[in-house]
Amino acid sequence: MKRCSILIMIVALFCFSVNLSAQEQLAGENKDNTRFDNKEGIPLSAMTLSEDQNKKIEEIGANYGDQMLELRSQMTVKQIELKSLLRDPNASEENILSIAHDIQVINVQIQKMMIYYQLDIRKVLTPEQIRTWYTLENPPAKRGRRQ
């Protein structure tokens, strides 16, 4: 019974992380497409923003981008560790559950950071822009250092 509940918890955790990945991919698919569903809103990249707004949003993205990249890297490492432990017949349940818990903690940190990112973006937008904004955007991941 205990093993069954542990297995169900691990499967649920995997489903949750796969679901988040699918949402991120769907959010990124419309970047080049100019047609948007009014129910979902308009991404920042398609909105008409002032130079000042663009500058502030870019700074906000830079602040959150590095942190999000680090958290996602940690998540990937933990997921690989979990897969390895699940395939190891000598791995203890305690180790498996510990890694699963670490993944859950990182997932919560990512979600919180996404909310804070969006709250900071809201401070830059006008009320009308906030109403039309597609709010499920993630901070842009930084790919290398700017000199």
C-alpha atoms as a PDB file:
ATOM      1  CA  MET A   1       0.000   0.000   0.000  1.00  0.00           C
ATOM      2  CA  LYS A   2       2.820   2.379   0.928  1.00  0.00           C
ATOM      3  CA  ARG A   3       4.662   1.657  -2.326  1.00  0.00           C
ATOM      4  CA  CYS A   4       1.486   2.208  -4.298  1.00  0.00           C
ATOM      5  CA  SER A   5       0.926   5.655  -2.768  1.00  0.00           C
ATOM      6  CA  ILE A   6       4.570   6.581  -3.385  1.00  0.00           C
ATOM      7  CA  LEU A   7       4.284   5.493  -7.008  1.00  0.00           C
ATOM      8  CA  ILE A   8       1.086   7.506  -7.452  1.00  0.00           C
ATOM      9  CA  MET A   9       2.772  10.588  -5.962  1.00  0.00           C
ATOM     10  CA  ILE A  10       5.759  10.255  -8.309  1.00  0.00           C
ATOM     11  CA  VAL A  11       3.542   9.777 -11.368  1.00  0.00           C
ATOM     12  CA  ALA A  12       1.464  12.819 -10.363  1.00  0.00           C
ATOM     13  CA  LEU A  13       4.652  14.848  -9.953  1.00  0.00           C
ATOM     14  CA  PHE A  14       5.836  13.849 -13.429  1.00  0.00           C
ATOM     15  CA  CYS A  15       2.450  14.697 -14.928  1.00  0.00           C
ATOM     16  CA  PHE A  16       2.550  18.120 -13.284  1.00  0.00           C
ATOM     17  CA  SER A  17       6.057  18.894 -14.581  1.00  0.00           C
ATOM     18  CA  VAL A  18       5.174  17.664 -18.098  1.00  0.00           C
ATOM     19  CA  ASN A  19       2.039  19.818 -18.024  1.00  0.00           C
ATOM     20  CA  LEU A  20       4.120  22.909 -17.169  1.00  0.00           C
ATOM     21  CA  SER A  21       6.518  22.164 -20.017  1.00  0.00           C
ATOM     22  CA  ALA A  22       3.603  21.855 -22.431  1.00  0.00           C
ATOM     23  CA  GLN A  23       2.212  25.205 -21.250  1.00  0.00           C
ATOM     24  CA  GLU A  24       5.584  26.868 -21.796  1.00  0.00           C
ATOM     25  CA  GLN A  25       5.803  25.455 -25.305  1.00  0.00           C
ATOM     26  CA  LEU A  26       2.281  26.609 -26.153  1.00  0.00           C
ATOM     27  CA  ALA A  27       3.051  30.091 -24.829  1.00  0.00           C
ATOM     28  CA  GLY A  28       6.083  30.297 -27.107  1.00  0.00           C
ATOM     29  CA  GLU A  29       4.402  29.046 -30.279  1.00  0.00           C
ATOM     30  CA  ASN A  30       2.697  32.344 -31.159  1.00  0.00           C
ATOM     31  CA  LYS A  31       5.854  34.486 -31.196  1.00  0.00           C
ATOM     32  CA  ASP A  32       5.912  34.859 -34.990  1.00  0.00           C
ATOM     33  CA  ASN A  33       2.163  34.614 -35.501  1.00  0.00           C
ATOM     34  CA  THR A  34       0.358  37.961 -35.441  1.00  0.00           C
ATOM     35  CA  ARG A  35      -3.118  36.494 -34.999  1.00  0.00           C
ATOM     36  CA  PHE A  36      -4.116  36.097 -31.352  1.00  0.00           C
ATOM     37  CA  ASP A  37      -7.201  34.830 -29.637  1.00  0.00           C
ATOM     38  CA  ASN A  38      -8.826  37.647 -27.658  1.00  0.00           C
ATOM     39  CA  LYS A  39      -9.515  35.249 -24.787  1.00  0.00           C
ATOM     40  CA  GLU A  40      -5.807  34.666 -24.295  1.00  0.00           C
ATOM     41  CA  GLY A  41      -4.614  38.200 -24.886  1.00  0.00           C
ATOM     42  CA  ILE A  42      -1.602  39.642 -26.636  1.00  0.00           C
ATOM     43  CA  PRO A  43       2.018  38.820 -25.751  1.00  0.00           C
ATOM     44  CA  LEU A  44       4.308  41.695 -24.800  1.00  0.00           C
ATOM     45  CA  SER A  45       6.283  41.239 -28.009  1.00  0.00           C
ATOM     46  CA  ALA A  46       3.173  42.085 -30.076  1.00  0.00           C
ATOM     47  CA  MET A  47       1.996  45.021 -27.957  1.00  0.00           C
ATOM     48  CA  THR A  48       2.637  48.627 -28.889  1.00  0.00           C
ATOM     49  CA  LEU A  49       4.802  49.874 -26.030  1.00  0.00           C
ATOM     50  CA  SER A  50       6.652  53.127 -25.491  1.00  0.00           C
ATOM     51  CA  GLU A  51      10.457  53.193 -25.499  1.00  0.00           C
ATOM     52  CA  ASP A  52      10.414  53.693 -21.741  1.00  0.00           C
ATOM     53  CA  GLN A  53       8.102  50.697 -21.258  1.00  0.00           C
ATOM     54  CA  ASN A  54      10.276  48.533 -23.524  1.00  0.00           C
ATOM     55  CA  LYS A  55      13.392  49.527 -21.584  1.00  0.00           C
ATOM     56  CA  LYS A  56      11.795  48.801 -18.200  1.00  0.00           C
ATOM     57  CA  ILE A  57      10.368  45.469 -19.384  1.00  0.00           C
ATOM     58  CA  GLU A  58      13.758  44.488 -20.783  1.00  0.00           C
ATOM     59  CA  GLU A  59      15.371  45.279 -17.401  1.00  0.00           C
ATOM     60  CA  ILE A  60      12.723  43.253 -15.583  1.00  0.00           C
ATOM     61  CA  GLY A  61      13.263  40.344 -17.971  1.00  0.00           C
ATOM     62  CA  ALA A  62      17.021  40.525 -17.420  1.00  0.00           C
ATOM     63  CA  ASN A  63      16.550  40.486 -13.645  1.00  0.00           C
ATOM     64  CA  TYR A  64      14.308  37.425 -13.706  1.00  0.00           C
ATOM     65  CA  GLY A  65      15.851  35.638 -16.696  1.00  0.00           C
ATOM     66  CA  ASP A  66      19.034  34.533 -14.941  1.00  0.00           C
ATOM     67  CA  GLN A  67      17.145  33.369 -11.877  1.00  0.00           C
ATOM     68  CA  MET A  68      14.638  31.394 -13.954  1.00  0.00           C
ATOM     69  CA  LEU A  69      17.433  29.797 -15.979  1.00  0.00           C
ATOM     70  CA  GLU A  70      19.142  28.704 -12.769  1.00  0.00           C
ATOM     71  CA  LEU A  71      15.938  27.226 -11.324  1.00  0.00           C
ATOM     72  CA  ARG A  72      15.145  25.382 -14.549  1.00  0.00           C
ATOM     73  CA  SER A  73      18.680  23.994 -14.609  1.00  0.00           C
ATOM     74  CA  GLN A  74      18.264  22.764 -11.042  1.00  0.00           C
ATOM     75  CA  MET A  75      14.919  21.221 -12.001  1.00  0.00           C
ATOM     76  CA  THR A  76      16.460  19.379 -14.936  1.00  0.00           C
ATOM     77  CA  VAL A  77      19.286  18.011 -12.782  1.00  0.00           C
ATOM     78  CA  LYS A  78      16.831  16.803 -10.130  1.00  0.00           C
ATOM     79  CA  GLN A  79      14.580  15.177 -12.741  1.00  0.00           C
ATOM     80  CA  ILE A  80      17.572  13.303 -14.170  1.00  0.00           C
ATOM     81  CA  GLU A  81      18.564  12.225 -10.654  1.00  0.00           C
ATOM     82  CA  LEU A  82      15.023  11.002  -9.980  1.00  0.00           C
ATOM     83  CA  LYS A  83      14.887   9.004 -13.204  1.00  0.00           C
ATOM     84  CA  SER A  84      18.231   7.452 -12.354  1.00  0.00           C
ATOM     85  CA  LEU A  85      17.114   6.532  -8.840  1.00  0.00           C
ATOM     86  CA  LEU A  86      13.845   5.058 -10.084  1.00  0.00           C
ATOM     87  CA  ARG A  87      15.805   2.771 -12.394  1.00  0.00           C
ATOM     88  CA  ASP A  88      18.256   1.769  -9.663  1.00  0.00           C
ATOM     89  CA  PRO A  89      17.026  -1.362  -7.847  1.00  0.00           C
ATOM     90  CA  ASN A  90      19.263  -0.487  -4.864  1.00  0.00           C
ATOM     91  CA  ALA A  91      17.948   3.069  -4.425  1.00  0.00           C
ATOM     92  CA  SER A  92      16.118   3.666  -1.184  1.00  0.00           C
ATOM     93  CA  GLU A  93      12.590   5.017  -1.039  1.00  0.00           C
ATOM     94  CA  GLU A  94      13.855   7.815   1.203  1.00  0.00           C
ATOM     95  CA  ASN A  95      16.283   9.030  -1.490  1.00  0.00           C
ATOM     96  CA  ILE A  96      13.629   8.838  -4.189  1.00  0.00           C
ATOM     97  CA  LEU A  97      11.125  10.762  -2.065  1.00  0.00           C
ATOM     98  CA  SER A  98      13.763  13.317  -1.115  1.00  0.00           C
ATOM     99  CA  ILE A  99      14.546  14.082  -4.768  1.00  0.00           C
ATOM    100  CA  ALA A 100      10.815  14.183  -5.588  1.00  0.00           C
ATOM    101  CA  HIS A 101      10.353  16.698  -2.764  1.00  0.00           C
ATOM    102  CA  ASP A 102      13.270  18.802  -4.075  1.00  0.00           C
ATOM    103  CA  ILE A 103      11.595  18.890  -7.500  1.00  0.00           C
ATOM    104  CA  GLN A 104       8.355  20.015  -5.909  1.00  0.00           C
ATOM    105  CA  VAL A 105      10.125  22.818  -4.005  1.00  0.00           C
ATOM    106  CA  ILE A 106      11.879  24.057  -7.152  1.00  0.00           C
ATOM    107  CA  ASN A 107       8.579  23.937  -9.037  1.00  0.00           C
ATOM    108  CA  VAL A 108       6.956  26.163  -6.418  1.00  0.00           C
ATOM    109  CA  GLN A 109       9.912  28.575  -6.614  1.00  0.00           C
ATOM    110  CA  ILE A 110       9.510  28.784 -10.393  1.00  0.00           C
ATOM    111  CA  GLN A 111       5.785  29.478 -10.089  1.00  0.00           C
ATOM    112  CA  LYS A 112       6.368  32.194  -7.487  1.00  0.00           C
ATOM    113  CA  MET A 113       9.035  33.810  -9.625  1.00  0.00           C
ATOM    114  CA  MET A 114       6.702  33.824 -12.635  1.00  0.00           C
ATOM    115  CA  ILE A 115       4.051  35.601 -10.534  1.00  0.00           C
ATOM    116  CA  TYR A 116       6.546  38.194  -9.277  1.00  0.00           C
ATOM    117  CA  TYR A 117       7.755  38.742 -12.840  1.00  0.00           C
ATOM    118  CA  GLN A 118       4.216  39.384 -14.011  1.00  0.00           C
ATOM    119  CA  LEU A 119       3.520  41.696 -11.061  1.00  0.00           C
ATOM    120  CA  ASP A 120       6.576  43.759 -11.999  1.00  0.00           C
ATOM    121  CA  ILE A 121       5.452  43.884 -15.634  1.00  0.00           C
ATOM    122  CA  ARG A 122       2.006  45.108 -14.533  1.00  0.00           C
ATOM    123  CA  LYS A 123       3.661  48.109 -12.873  1.00  0.00           C
ATOM    124  CA  VAL A 124       4.976  49.205 -16.291  1.00  0.00           C
ATOM    125  CA  LEU A 125       1.798  48.697 -18.338  1.00  0.00           C
ATOM    126  CA  THR A 126      -1.210  50.988 -18.587  1.00  0.00           C
ATOM    127  CA  PRO A 127      -4.593  49.669 -17.369  1.00  0.00           C
ATOM    128  CA  GLU A 128      -5.703  49.079 -20.995  1.00  0.00           C
ATOM    129  CA  GLN A 129      -2.487  47.190 -21.774  1.00  0.00           C
ATOM    130  CA  ILE A 130      -2.949  45.050 -18.665  1.00  0.00           C
ATOM    131  CA  ARG A 131      -6.463  44.105 -19.826  1.00  0.00           C
ATOM    132  CA  THR A 132      -5.168  42.863 -23.209  1.00  0.00           C
ATOM    133  CA  TRP A 133      -1.875  41.344 -22.047  1.00  0.00           C
ATOM    134  CA  TYR A 134      -1.279  37.598 -22.366  1.00  0.00           C
ATOM    135  CA  THR A 135      -0.220  36.979 -18.771  1.00  0.00           C
ATOM    136  CA  LEU A 136       1.196  33.465 -19.094  1.00  0.00           C
ATOM    137  CA  GLU A 137       4.505  34.701 -20.452  1.00  0.00           C
ATOM    138  CA  ASN A 138       7.713  33.599 -18.789  1.00  0.00           C
ATOM    139  CA  PRO A 139      10.718  35.808 -18.206  1.00  0.00           C
ATOM    140  CA  PRO A 140      13.120  35.550 -21.124  1.00  0.00           C
ATOM    141  CA  ALA A 141      15.969  33.153 -20.414  1.00  0.00           C
ATOM    142  CA  LYS A 142      19.365  34.767 -20.769  1.00  0.00           C
ATOM    143  CA  ARG A 143      21.668  32.877 -23.068  1.00  0.00           C
ATOM    144  CA  GLY A 144      25.146  34.101 -22.282  1.00  0.00           C
ATOM    145  CA  ARG A 145      26.598  37.273 -20.907  1.00  0.00           C
ATOM    146  CA  ARG A 146      26.277  40.662 -22.536  1.00  0.00           C
ATOM    147  CA  GLN A 147      29.436  42.730 -22.570  1.00  0.00           C
END
